[in-house]
Amino acid sequence: MLKILRSLFLFINVIVILALLTIHFIIRDNGFYEPLLFYIFPLPIIIGIILFFSLFIGKKRRKYNLILAGILLFIWLGRSFKINFSDDISEADLEVVFWNASRDNNFKEAFFENKGIPDILVLVEPKITDINSIKQRFSNHYIYDMKGDIYLFSKTPVIIEKEVTSKRNSTVVNFKSRDIDFYAVDAQGSPDLPRRGEMQFIDSHIDKTNNTVILGDFNLPYESGLFKNIKKNFNQAFNEKGNGFRETWFWNIPLLSIDHIWVSKDLKVLKTEKIGTFKSDHSMLKTYIKR
């Protein structure tokens, strides 16, 4: 009986691992329903599943699971863990911050976590009860309540050029400040919603590719094939000048990098930080751009 159970576990082990590796490395989020599995099973989870099965398949087969887990761990670290040298930052350079506030935080918490007031701050899904009192408190700054539960704080004047929301509530806001174009994005993250259509909507409204910064919660990991258009013209700020794990979700556990700051290739990224906090399930992102 024990031998039969062990053979059954071995069969399940092989089928499950092959399916997960196929979804992660080949299918990814190119299909209709497959993307959900791609997001649910990032490499750290797949590694954990492989190690779990190794407990039940016997010593002779266990070594193969352990070798595979080691290879995947090496791939994951190579992808996600960044080591970069930062450049010197001057007062003339631009400090840009993005945070998904998880409906529990507002500008006050954002400034506290950031340890200061940045030049540009974009919050999505914040807890804002009285925007007028915030504007009065920061009367020397510029605060905007935009479409899709997106809020903007700026030290300098801002021109809102476009605000659009898809039928499924993904939002893109194009604004201009300090002669730089910004696109603030909050993509719908419903688990039963195919991401391709929402990303096509976002791509269709990002029509500037020079002197431009895109920042937001895309609900897409960096490995997604749906970033193909953005990657042609923009650098991911954390990849360029960040240190540590790139992933911004979930609760400081590096599972998925779904929050991004993308900087057009004609602009120079000086330094990027990921600020972990237990006030939100999303980490905060901060980058400095040379003007």
C-alpha atoms as a PDB file:
ATOM      1  CA  MET A   1       0.000   0.000   0.000  1.00  0.00           C
ATOM      2  CA  LEU A   2       2.803   2.401   0.905  1.00  0.00           C
ATOM      3  CA  LYS A   3       4.522   1.639  -2.396  1.00  0.00           C
ATOM      4  CA  ILE A   4       1.322   2.381  -4.324  1.00  0.00           C
ATOM      5  CA  LEU A   5       0.834   5.699  -2.525  1.00  0.00           C
ATOM      6  CA  ARG A   6       4.431   6.669  -3.170  1.00  0.00           C
ATOM      7  CA  SER A   7       4.033   5.860  -6.882  1.00  0.00           C
ATOM      8  CA  LEU A   8       0.845   7.929  -6.955  1.00  0.00           C
ATOM      9  CA  PHE A   9       2.600  10.889  -5.324  1.00  0.00           C
ATOM     10  CA  LEU A  10       5.449  10.536  -7.802  1.00  0.00           C
ATOM     11  CA  PHE A  11       3.026  10.629 -10.737  1.00  0.00           C
ATOM     12  CA  ILE A  12       1.197  13.667  -9.331  1.00  0.00           C
ATOM     13  CA  ASN A  13       4.543  15.303  -8.599  1.00  0.00           C
ATOM     14  CA  VAL A  14       5.681  15.001 -12.228  1.00  0.00           C
ATOM     15  CA  ILE A  15       2.356  16.147 -13.728  1.00  0.00           C
ATOM     16  CA  VAL A  16       1.972  19.149 -11.405  1.00  0.00           C
ATOM     17  CA  ILE A  17       5.563  20.325 -11.870  1.00  0.00           C
ATOM     18  CA  LEU A  18       5.405  20.025 -15.660  1.00  0.00           C
ATOM     19  CA  ALA A  19       2.096  21.924 -15.718  1.00  0.00           C
ATOM     20  CA  LEU A  20       3.398  24.732 -13.492  1.00  0.00           C
ATOM     21  CA  LEU A  21       6.649  25.123 -15.439  1.00  0.00           C
ATOM     22  CA  THR A  22       4.752  25.156 -18.746  1.00  0.00           C
ATOM     23  CA  ILE A  23       2.405  27.873 -17.509  1.00  0.00           C
ATOM     24  CA  HIS A  24       5.188  29.978 -16.016  1.00  0.00           C
ATOM     25  CA  PHE A  25       7.796  29.807 -18.773  1.00  0.00           C
ATOM     26  CA  ILE A  26       5.808  29.098 -21.956  1.00  0.00           C
ATOM     27  CA  ILE A  27       2.115  29.997 -21.729  1.00  0.00           C
ATOM     28  CA  ARG A  28       2.514  32.816 -19.167  1.00  0.00           C
ATOM     29  CA  ASP A  29      -0.375  35.300 -19.580  1.00  0.00           C
ATOM     30  CA  ASN A  30      -0.954  34.885 -23.296  1.00  0.00           C
ATOM     31  CA  GLY A  31      -4.264  33.027 -23.030  1.00  0.00           C
ATOM     32  CA  PHE A  32      -7.691  33.821 -21.593  1.00  0.00           C
ATOM     33  CA  TYR A  33      -7.797  31.867 -18.312  1.00  0.00           C
ATOM     34  CA  GLU A  34      -4.122  30.899 -18.090  1.00  0.00           C
ATOM     35  CA  PRO A  35      -3.016  34.319 -16.781  1.00  0.00           C
ATOM     36  CA  LEU A  36      -4.762  33.649 -13.468  1.00  0.00           C
ATOM     37  CA  LEU A  37      -2.576  30.578 -12.919  1.00  0.00           C
ATOM     38  CA  PHE A  38       0.491  32.539 -14.042  1.00  0.00           C
ATOM     39  CA  TYR A  39      -0.148  35.166 -11.336  1.00  0.00           C
ATOM     40  CA  ILE A  40      -1.171  32.679  -8.621  1.00  0.00           C
ATOM     41  CA  PHE A  41       1.972  30.576  -9.066  1.00  0.00           C
ATOM     42  CA  PRO A  42       5.053  32.824  -9.250  1.00  0.00           C
ATOM     43  CA  LEU A  43       8.439  31.124  -8.977  1.00  0.00           C
ATOM     44  CA  PRO A  44       8.677  31.273  -5.134  1.00  0.00           C
ATOM     45  CA  ILE A  45       5.356  29.414  -4.885  1.00  0.00           C
ATOM     46  CA  ILE A  46       6.424  26.855  -7.505  1.00  0.00           C
ATOM     47  CA  ILE A  47       9.663  26.251  -5.593  1.00  0.00           C
ATOM     48  CA  GLY A  48       7.667  25.721  -2.401  1.00  0.00           C
ATOM     49  CA  ILE A  49       5.364  23.202  -4.133  1.00  0.00           C
ATOM     50  CA  ILE A  50       8.356  21.252  -5.494  1.00  0.00           C
ATOM     51  CA  LEU A  51       9.910  21.098  -2.019  1.00  0.00           C
ATOM     52  CA  PHE A  52       6.582  19.987  -0.532  1.00  0.00           C
ATOM     53  CA  PHE A  53       6.262  17.090  -2.997  1.00  0.00           C
ATOM     54  CA  SER A  54       9.842  16.045  -2.265  1.00  0.00           C
ATOM     55  CA  LEU A  55       8.672  14.991   1.200  1.00  0.00           C
ATOM     56  CA  PHE A  56       6.490  12.202  -0.225  1.00  0.00           C
ATOM     57  CA  ILE A  57       8.304  10.741  -3.229  1.00  0.00           C
ATOM     58  CA  GLY A  58      11.121   8.815  -1.553  1.00  0.00           C
ATOM     59  CA  LYS A  59      14.822   9.460  -1.171  1.00  0.00           C
ATOM     60  CA  LYS A  60      15.828   8.207  -4.625  1.00  0.00           C
ATOM     61  CA  ARG A  61      13.554  10.663  -6.453  1.00  0.00           C
ATOM     62  CA  ARG A  62      13.830  13.493  -3.927  1.00  0.00           C
ATOM     63  CA  LYS A  63      17.214  14.631  -5.194  1.00  0.00           C
ATOM     64  CA  TYR A  64      15.729  15.509  -8.594  1.00  0.00           C
ATOM     65  CA  ASN A  65      13.128  17.772  -6.959  1.00  0.00           C
ATOM     66  CA  LEU A  66      15.841  19.412  -4.867  1.00  0.00           C
ATOM     67  CA  ILE A  67      18.053  20.012  -7.911  1.00  0.00           C
ATOM     68  CA  LEU A  68      15.118  21.513  -9.838  1.00  0.00           C
ATOM     69  CA  ALA A  69      14.176  23.695  -6.867  1.00  0.00           C
ATOM     70  CA  GLY A  70      17.783  24.933  -6.686  1.00  0.00           C
ATOM     71  CA  ILE A  71      17.812  25.794 -10.397  1.00  0.00           C
ATOM     72  CA  LEU A  72      14.528  27.700 -10.118  1.00  0.00           C
ATOM     73  CA  LEU A  73      15.777  29.517  -7.028  1.00  0.00           C
ATOM     74  CA  PHE A  74      18.837  30.615  -8.989  1.00  0.00           C
ATOM     75  CA  ILE A  75      16.614  31.830 -11.871  1.00  0.00           C
ATOM     76  CA  TRP A  76      14.330  33.705  -9.490  1.00  0.00           C
ATOM     77  CA  LEU A  77      17.176  35.451  -7.701  1.00  0.00           C
ATOM     78  CA  GLY A  78      18.783  36.344 -11.025  1.00  0.00           C
ATOM     79  CA  ARG A  79      15.536  37.909 -12.201  1.00  0.00           C
ATOM     80  CA  SER A  80      14.320  39.618  -9.069  1.00  0.00           C
ATOM     81  CA  PHE A  81      17.260  40.523  -6.840  1.00  0.00           C
ATOM     82  CA  LYS A  82      18.997  43.645  -8.114  1.00  0.00           C
ATOM     83  CA  ILE A  83      22.326  45.185  -7.180  1.00  0.00           C
ATOM     84  CA  ASN A  84      22.948  48.653  -8.617  1.00  0.00           C
ATOM     85  CA  PHE A  85      25.096  51.648  -7.803  1.00  0.00           C
ATOM     86  CA  SER A  86      23.170  54.889  -7.301  1.00  0.00           C
ATOM     87  CA  ASP A  87      24.240  58.216  -8.753  1.00  0.00           C
ATOM     88  CA  ASP A  88      24.577  61.456  -6.820  1.00  0.00           C
ATOM     89  CA  ILE A  89      21.313  63.329  -6.354  1.00  0.00           C
ATOM     90  CA  SER A  90      21.009  67.123  -6.387  1.00  0.00           C
ATOM     91  CA  GLU A  91      18.148  69.412  -5.394  1.00  0.00           C
ATOM     92  CA  ALA A  92      17.425  70.015  -9.057  1.00  0.00           C
ATOM     93  CA  ASP A  93      16.642  66.328  -9.649  1.00  0.00           C
ATOM     94  CA  LEU A  94      13.093  65.035  -9.479  1.00  0.00           C
ATOM     95  CA  GLU A  95      11.833  62.766  -6.669  1.00  0.00           C
ATOM     96  CA  VAL A  96       8.852  60.695  -7.828  1.00  0.00           C
ATOM     97  CA  VAL A  97       6.855  58.376  -5.544  1.00  0.00           C
ATOM     98  CA  PHE A  98       4.062  55.901  -6.225  1.00  0.00           C
ATOM     99  CA  TRP A  99       2.014  53.938  -3.694  1.00  0.00           C
ATOM    100  CA  ASN A 100      -1.085  51.798  -3.680  1.00  0.00           C
ATOM    101  CA  ALA A 101      -2.438  52.885  -0.309  1.00  0.00           C
ATOM    102  CA  SER A 102      -4.879  49.946  -0.001  1.00  0.00           C
ATOM    103  CA  ARG A 103      -7.760  52.201   1.088  1.00  0.00           C
ATOM    104  CA  ASP A 104      -6.278  52.488   4.581  1.00  0.00           C
ATOM    105  CA  ASN A 105      -3.805  55.350   4.092  1.00  0.00           C
ATOM    106  CA  ASN A 106      -3.672  58.909   2.854  1.00  0.00           C
ATOM    107  CA  PHE A 107      -1.081  61.605   2.120  1.00  0.00           C
ATOM    108  CA  LYS A 108      -0.050  61.805   5.763  1.00  0.00           C
ATOM    109  CA  GLU A 109       0.942  58.128   5.895  1.00  0.00           C
ATOM    110  CA  ALA A 110       2.584  58.400   2.486  1.00  0.00           C
ATOM    111  CA  PHE A 111       4.818  61.293   3.586  1.00  0.00           C
ATOM    112  CA  PHE A 112       5.684  59.442   6.795  1.00  0.00           C
ATOM    113  CA  GLU A 113       6.693  56.234   4.982  1.00  0.00           C
ATOM    114  CA  ASN A 114       8.626  58.242   2.405  1.00  0.00           C
ATOM    115  CA  LYS A 115      10.326  60.262   5.184  1.00  0.00           C
ATOM    116  CA  GLY A 116       9.551  63.507   3.424  1.00  0.00           C
ATOM    117  CA  ILE A 117       7.455  65.248   0.807  1.00  0.00           C
ATOM    118  CA  PRO A 118       8.483  64.294  -2.757  1.00  0.00           C
ATOM    119  CA  ASP A 119       8.212  66.458  -5.854  1.00  0.00           C
ATOM    120  CA  ILE A 120       5.556  64.176  -7.355  1.00  0.00           C
ATOM    121  CA  LEU A 121       3.430  61.699  -5.401  1.00  0.00           C
ATOM    122  CA  VAL A 122       0.743  59.500  -6.941  1.00  0.00           C
ATOM    123  CA  LEU A 123      -1.573  57.522  -4.667  1.00  0.00           C
ATOM    124  CA  VAL A 124      -4.076  54.963  -5.891  1.00  0.00           C
ATOM    125  CA  GLU A 125      -6.899  53.635  -3.750  1.00  0.00           C
ATOM    126  CA  PRO A 126      -6.122  55.909  -0.780  1.00  0.00           C
ATOM    127  CA  LYS A 127      -8.302  56.725   2.203  1.00  0.00           C
ATOM    128  CA  ILE A 128      -9.370  60.295   1.522  1.00  0.00           C
ATOM    129  CA  THR A 129     -12.322  61.654   3.485  1.00  0.00           C
ATOM    130  CA  ASP A 130     -11.977  65.402   2.890  1.00  0.00           C
ATOM    131  CA  ILE A 131      -9.858  66.538  -0.052  1.00  0.00           C
ATOM    132  CA  ASN A 132     -10.577  70.221   0.676  1.00  0.00           C
ATOM    133  CA  SER A 133      -9.026  70.077   4.152  1.00  0.00           C
ATOM    134  CA  ILE A 134      -5.909  68.473   2.671  1.00  0.00           C
ATOM    135  CA  LYS A 135      -5.686  71.238   0.077  1.00  0.00           C
ATOM    136  CA  GLN A 136      -5.986  73.856   2.808  1.00  0.00           C
ATOM    137  CA  ARG A 137      -3.306  72.164   4.896  1.00  0.00           C
ATOM    138  CA  PHE A 138      -0.900  72.091   1.940  1.00  0.00           C
ATOM    139  CA  SER A 139      -1.979  75.370   0.429  1.00  0.00           C
ATOM    140  CA  ASN A 140       1.433  75.989  -1.146  1.00  0.00           C
ATOM    141  CA  HIS A 141       1.286  72.709  -3.072  1.00  0.00           C
ATOM    142  CA  TYR A 142      -0.923  71.236  -5.787  1.00  0.00           C
ATOM    143  CA  ILE A 143      -3.342  68.384  -5.033  1.00  0.00           C
ATOM    144  CA  TYR A 144      -5.675  66.723  -7.501  1.00  0.00           C
ATOM    145  CA  ASP A 145      -8.487  64.205  -7.143  1.00  0.00           C
ATOM    146  CA  MET A 146      -8.505  62.385 -10.458  1.00  0.00           C
ATOM    147  CA  LYS A 147     -10.481  59.605 -12.105  1.00  0.00           C
ATOM    148  CA  GLY A 148     -10.343  56.053 -10.881  1.00  0.00           C
ATOM    149  CA  ASP A 149      -9.484  56.788  -7.253  1.00  0.00           C
ATOM    150  CA  ILE A 150      -6.109  58.288  -8.224  1.00  0.00           C
ATOM    151  CA  TYR A 151      -4.725  61.244  -6.265  1.00  0.00           C
ATOM    152  CA  LEU A 152      -1.811  63.473  -7.179  1.00  0.00           C
ATOM    153  CA  PHE A 153       0.408  65.674  -5.018  1.00  0.00           C
ATOM    154  CA  SER A 154       2.916  68.016  -6.630  1.00  0.00           C
ATOM    155  CA  LYS A 155       5.235  70.765  -5.431  1.00  0.00           C
ATOM    156  CA  THR A 156       4.899  72.542  -8.789  1.00  0.00           C
ATOM    157  CA  PRO A 157       1.941  73.356 -11.073  1.00  0.00           C
ATOM    158  CA  VAL A 158       0.374  70.491 -12.986  1.00  0.00           C
ATOM    159  CA  ILE A 159      -1.554  70.334 -16.245  1.00  0.00           C
ATOM    160  CA  ILE A 160      -4.044  67.451 -16.427  1.00  0.00           C
ATOM    161  CA  GLU A 161      -4.113  66.515 -20.094  1.00  0.00           C
ATOM    162  CA  LYS A 162      -6.209  63.335 -20.159  1.00  0.00           C
ATOM    163  CA  GLU A 163      -8.261  61.143 -17.807  1.00  0.00           C
ATOM    164  CA  VAL A 164      -9.745  57.937 -19.196  1.00  0.00           C
ATOM    165  CA  THR A 165     -11.322  54.841 -17.638  1.00  0.00           C
ATOM    166  CA  SER A 166     -12.068  51.549 -19.375  1.00  0.00           C
ATOM    167  CA  LYS A 167     -15.406  49.739 -19.200  1.00  0.00           C
ATOM    168  CA  ARG A 168     -13.842  47.485 -16.588  1.00  0.00           C
ATOM    169  CA  ASN A 169     -12.433  50.336 -14.491  1.00  0.00           C
ATOM    170  CA  SER A 170      -8.782  50.496 -15.483  1.00  0.00           C
ATOM    171  CA  THR A 171      -7.689  54.154 -15.383  1.00  0.00           C
ATOM    172  CA  VAL A 172      -4.997  56.160 -17.144  1.00  0.00           C
ATOM    173  CA  VAL A 173      -4.325  59.797 -16.246  1.00  0.00           C
ATOM    174  CA  ASN A 174      -1.886  61.865 -18.313  1.00  0.00           C
ATOM    175  CA  PHE A 175      -0.531  64.961 -16.562  1.00  0.00           C
ATOM    176  CA  LYS A 176       2.398  67.265 -17.113  1.00  0.00           C
ATOM    177  CA  SER A 177       4.709  68.829 -14.532  1.00  0.00           C
ATOM    178  CA  ARG A 178       8.200  70.327 -14.796  1.00  0.00           C
ATOM    179  CA  ASP A 179       8.079  69.741 -18.568  1.00  0.00           C
ATOM    180  CA  ILE A 180       7.799  65.973 -18.062  1.00  0.00           C
ATOM    181  CA  ASP A 181       4.776  63.930 -19.124  1.00  0.00           C
ATOM    182  CA  PHE A 182       3.438  61.490 -16.546  1.00  0.00           C
ATOM    183  CA  TYR A 183       0.969  58.643 -16.924  1.00  0.00           C
ATOM    184  CA  ALA A 184      -0.644  57.447 -13.681  1.00  0.00           C
ATOM    185  CA  VAL A 185      -2.133  53.968 -14.082  1.00  0.00           C
ATOM    186  CA  ASP A 186      -4.436  51.859 -11.933  1.00  0.00           C
ATOM    187  CA  ALA A 187      -5.269  48.614 -13.741  1.00  0.00           C
ATOM    188  CA  GLN A 188      -8.247  46.507 -12.765  1.00  0.00           C
ATOM    189  CA  GLY A 189      -7.082  43.502 -10.765  1.00  0.00           C
ATOM    190  CA  SER A 190     -10.183  41.324 -10.612  1.00  0.00           C
ATOM    191  CA  PRO A 191      -9.084  37.650 -10.719  1.00  0.00           C
ATOM    192  CA  ASP A 192     -11.715  36.735 -13.346  1.00  0.00           C
ATOM    193  CA  LEU A 193     -10.671  39.578 -15.684  1.00  0.00           C
ATOM    194  CA  PRO A 194      -8.310  38.830 -18.599  1.00  0.00           C
ATOM    195  CA  ARG A 195      -5.438  41.283 -18.407  1.00  0.00           C
ATOM    196  CA  ARG A 196      -4.806  41.494 -22.160  1.00  0.00           C
ATOM    197  CA  GLY A 197      -7.789  43.741 -22.894  1.00  0.00           C
ATOM    198  CA  GLU A 198      -6.982  46.100 -20.029  1.00  0.00           C
ATOM    199  CA  MET A 199      -3.330  46.342 -21.056  1.00  0.00           C
ATOM    200  CA  GLN A 200      -4.370  47.083 -24.630  1.00  0.00           C
ATOM    201  CA  PHE A 201      -6.517  49.909 -23.267  1.00  0.00           C
ATOM    202  CA  ILE A 202      -3.576  51.264 -21.241  1.00  0.00           C
ATOM    203  CA  ASP A 203      -1.164  50.987 -24.176  1.00  0.00           C
ATOM    204  CA  SER A 204      -3.588  52.829 -26.458  1.00  0.00           C
ATOM    205  CA  HIS A 205      -3.539  55.888 -24.192  1.00  0.00           C
ATOM    206  CA  ILE A 206       0.237  56.078 -23.643  1.00  0.00           C
ATOM    207  CA  ASP A 207       1.045  58.062 -26.752  1.00  0.00           C
ATOM    208  CA  LYS A 208       4.220  59.819 -25.569  1.00  0.00           C
ATOM    209  CA  THR A 209       7.483  57.940 -25.290  1.00  0.00           C
ATOM    210  CA  ASN A 210      10.071  60.673 -24.718  1.00  0.00           C
ATOM    211  CA  ASN A 211      10.561  62.776 -21.588  1.00  0.00           C
ATOM    212  CA  THR A 212       7.906  60.599 -19.996  1.00  0.00           C
ATOM    213  CA  VAL A 213       7.308  58.646 -16.766  1.00  0.00           C
ATOM    214  CA  ILE A 214       4.675  55.927 -16.286  1.00  0.00           C
ATOM    215  CA  LEU A 215       3.815  54.920 -12.744  1.00  0.00           C
ATOM    216  CA  GLY A 216       1.104  52.781 -11.258  1.00  0.00           C
ATOM    217  CA  ASP A 217      -0.363  49.500 -10.126  1.00  0.00           C
ATOM    218  CA  PHE A 218      -0.582  47.404 -13.297  1.00  0.00           C
ATOM    219  CA  ASN A 219      -1.543  44.156 -11.552  1.00  0.00           C
ATOM    220  CA  LEU A 220       1.010  42.572 -13.895  1.00  0.00           C
ATOM    221  CA  PRO A 221       4.413  41.169 -12.906  1.00  0.00           C
ATOM    222  CA  TYR A 222       7.487  42.389 -14.743  1.00  0.00           C
ATOM    223  CA  GLU A 223       7.781  38.978 -16.467  1.00  0.00           C
ATOM    224  CA  SER A 224       4.425  39.473 -18.207  1.00  0.00           C
ATOM    225  CA  GLY A 225       4.472  39.391 -21.996  1.00  0.00           C
ATOM    226  CA  LEU A 226       1.869  42.172 -21.968  1.00  0.00           C
ATOM    227  CA  PHE A 227       4.559  44.765 -21.158  1.00  0.00           C
ATOM    228  CA  LYS A 228       6.056  44.291 -24.615  1.00  0.00           C
ATOM    229  CA  ASN A 229       5.096  47.769 -25.895  1.00  0.00           C
ATOM    230  CA  ILE A 230       6.176  49.619 -22.769  1.00  0.00           C
ATOM    231  CA  LYS A 231       9.525  47.833 -22.616  1.00  0.00           C
ATOM    232  CA  LYS A 232      10.364  49.067 -26.141  1.00  0.00           C
ATOM    233  CA  ASN A 233      10.555  52.697 -25.024  1.00  0.00           C
ATOM    234  CA  PHE A 234      10.853  52.660 -21.229  1.00  0.00           C
ATOM    235  CA  ASN A 235      13.213  51.331 -18.579  1.00  0.00           C
ATOM    236  CA  GLN A 236      11.846  49.867 -15.376  1.00  0.00           C
ATOM    237  CA  ALA A 237      13.220  52.179 -12.687  1.00  0.00           C
ATOM    238  CA  PHE A 238      13.944  49.483 -10.116  1.00  0.00           C
ATOM    239  CA  ASN A 239      15.813  47.371 -12.649  1.00  0.00           C
ATOM    240  CA  GLU A 240      17.927  50.398 -13.508  1.00  0.00           C
ATOM    241  CA  LYS A 241      18.855  51.692 -10.058  1.00  0.00           C
ATOM    242  CA  GLY A 242      17.146  49.605  -7.389  1.00  0.00           C
ATOM    243  CA  ASN A 243      18.660  47.266  -4.816  1.00  0.00           C
ATOM    244  CA  GLY A 244      17.131  44.139  -3.328  1.00  0.00           C
ATOM    245  CA  PHE A 245      14.031  42.295  -4.447  1.00  0.00           C
ATOM    246  CA  ARG A 246      11.998  44.017  -7.142  1.00  0.00           C
ATOM    247  CA  GLU A 247       8.649  42.540  -6.053  1.00  0.00           C
ATOM    248  CA  THR A 248       6.218  44.996  -4.452  1.00  0.00           C
ATOM    249  CA  TRP A 249       3.464  42.601  -3.322  1.00  0.00           C
ATOM    250  CA  PHE A 250       2.391  40.974  -0.961  1.00  0.00           C
ATOM    251  CA  TRP A 251       2.895  42.385   2.585  1.00  0.00           C
ATOM    252  CA  ASN A 252       6.681  42.678   2.076  1.00  0.00           C
ATOM    253  CA  ILE A 253       6.914  39.062   0.849  1.00  0.00           C
ATOM    254  CA  PRO A 254       8.562  39.220  -2.600  1.00  0.00           C
ATOM    255  CA  LEU A 255       5.969  37.381  -4.684  1.00  0.00           C
ATOM    256  CA  LEU A 256       4.975  39.697  -7.552  1.00  0.00           C
ATOM    257  CA  SER A 257       6.287  42.994  -8.918  1.00  0.00           C
ATOM    258  CA  ILE A 258       2.929  44.482  -9.890  1.00  0.00           C
ATOM    259  CA  ASP A 259       3.700  48.132  -9.048  1.00  0.00           C
ATOM    260  CA  HIS A 260       6.018  49.877 -11.483  1.00  0.00           C
ATOM    261  CA  ILE A 261       7.707  53.131 -12.367  1.00  0.00           C
ATOM    262  CA  TRP A 262       8.749  53.176 -16.019  1.00  0.00           C
ATOM    263  CA  VAL A 263      11.077  55.945 -17.256  1.00  0.00           C
ATOM    264  CA  SER A 264      11.574  56.793 -20.929  1.00  0.00           C
ATOM    265  CA  LYS A 265      15.000  55.895 -22.223  1.00  0.00           C
ATOM    266  CA  ASP A 266      15.985  59.520 -22.854  1.00  0.00           C
ATOM    267  CA  LEU A 267      15.739  60.270 -19.109  1.00  0.00           C
ATOM    268  CA  LYS A 268      18.335  59.144 -16.559  1.00  0.00           C
ATOM    269  CA  VAL A 269      17.319  57.241 -13.432  1.00  0.00           C
ATOM    270  CA  LEU A 270      19.648  58.145 -10.555  1.00  0.00           C
ATOM    271  CA  LYS A 271      18.305  55.980  -7.740  1.00  0.00           C
ATOM    272  CA  THR A 272      15.259  53.825  -6.991  1.00  0.00           C
ATOM    273  CA  GLU A 273      14.001  52.586  -3.636  1.00  0.00           C
ATOM    274  CA  LYS A 274      11.326  50.094  -2.638  1.00  0.00           C
ATOM    275  CA  ILE A 275       9.921  51.088   0.739  1.00  0.00           C
ATOM    276  CA  GLY A 276       8.370  48.164   2.585  1.00  0.00           C
ATOM    277  CA  THR A 277       5.551  48.876   5.003  1.00  0.00           C
ATOM    278  CA  PHE A 278       2.862  46.928   6.823  1.00  0.00           C
ATOM    279  CA  LYS A 279       0.422  49.820   6.357  1.00  0.00           C
ATOM    280  CA  SER A 280      -0.396  48.456   2.899  1.00  0.00           C
ATOM    281  CA  ASP A 281      -0.066  45.104   1.152  1.00  0.00           C
ATOM    282  CA  HIS A 282       1.856  47.022  -1.540  1.00  0.00           C
ATOM    283  CA  SER A 283       5.347  48.431  -1.089  1.00  0.00           C
ATOM    284  CA  MET A 284       5.986  52.054  -1.993  1.00  0.00           C
ATOM    285  CA  LEU A 285       8.237  52.923  -4.940  1.00  0.00           C
ATOM    286  CA  LYS A 286      10.454  55.995  -5.099  1.00  0.00           C
ATOM    287  CA  THR A 287      12.778  57.029  -7.903  1.00  0.00           C
ATOM    288  CA  TYR A 288      14.982  60.015  -8.613  1.00  0.00           C
ATOM    289  CA  ILE A 289      15.250  61.322 -12.164  1.00  0.00           C
ATOM    290  CA  LYS A 290      17.868  63.683 -13.512  1.00  0.00           C
ATOM    291  CA  ARG A 291      16.337  66.755 -15.121  1.00  0.00           C
END
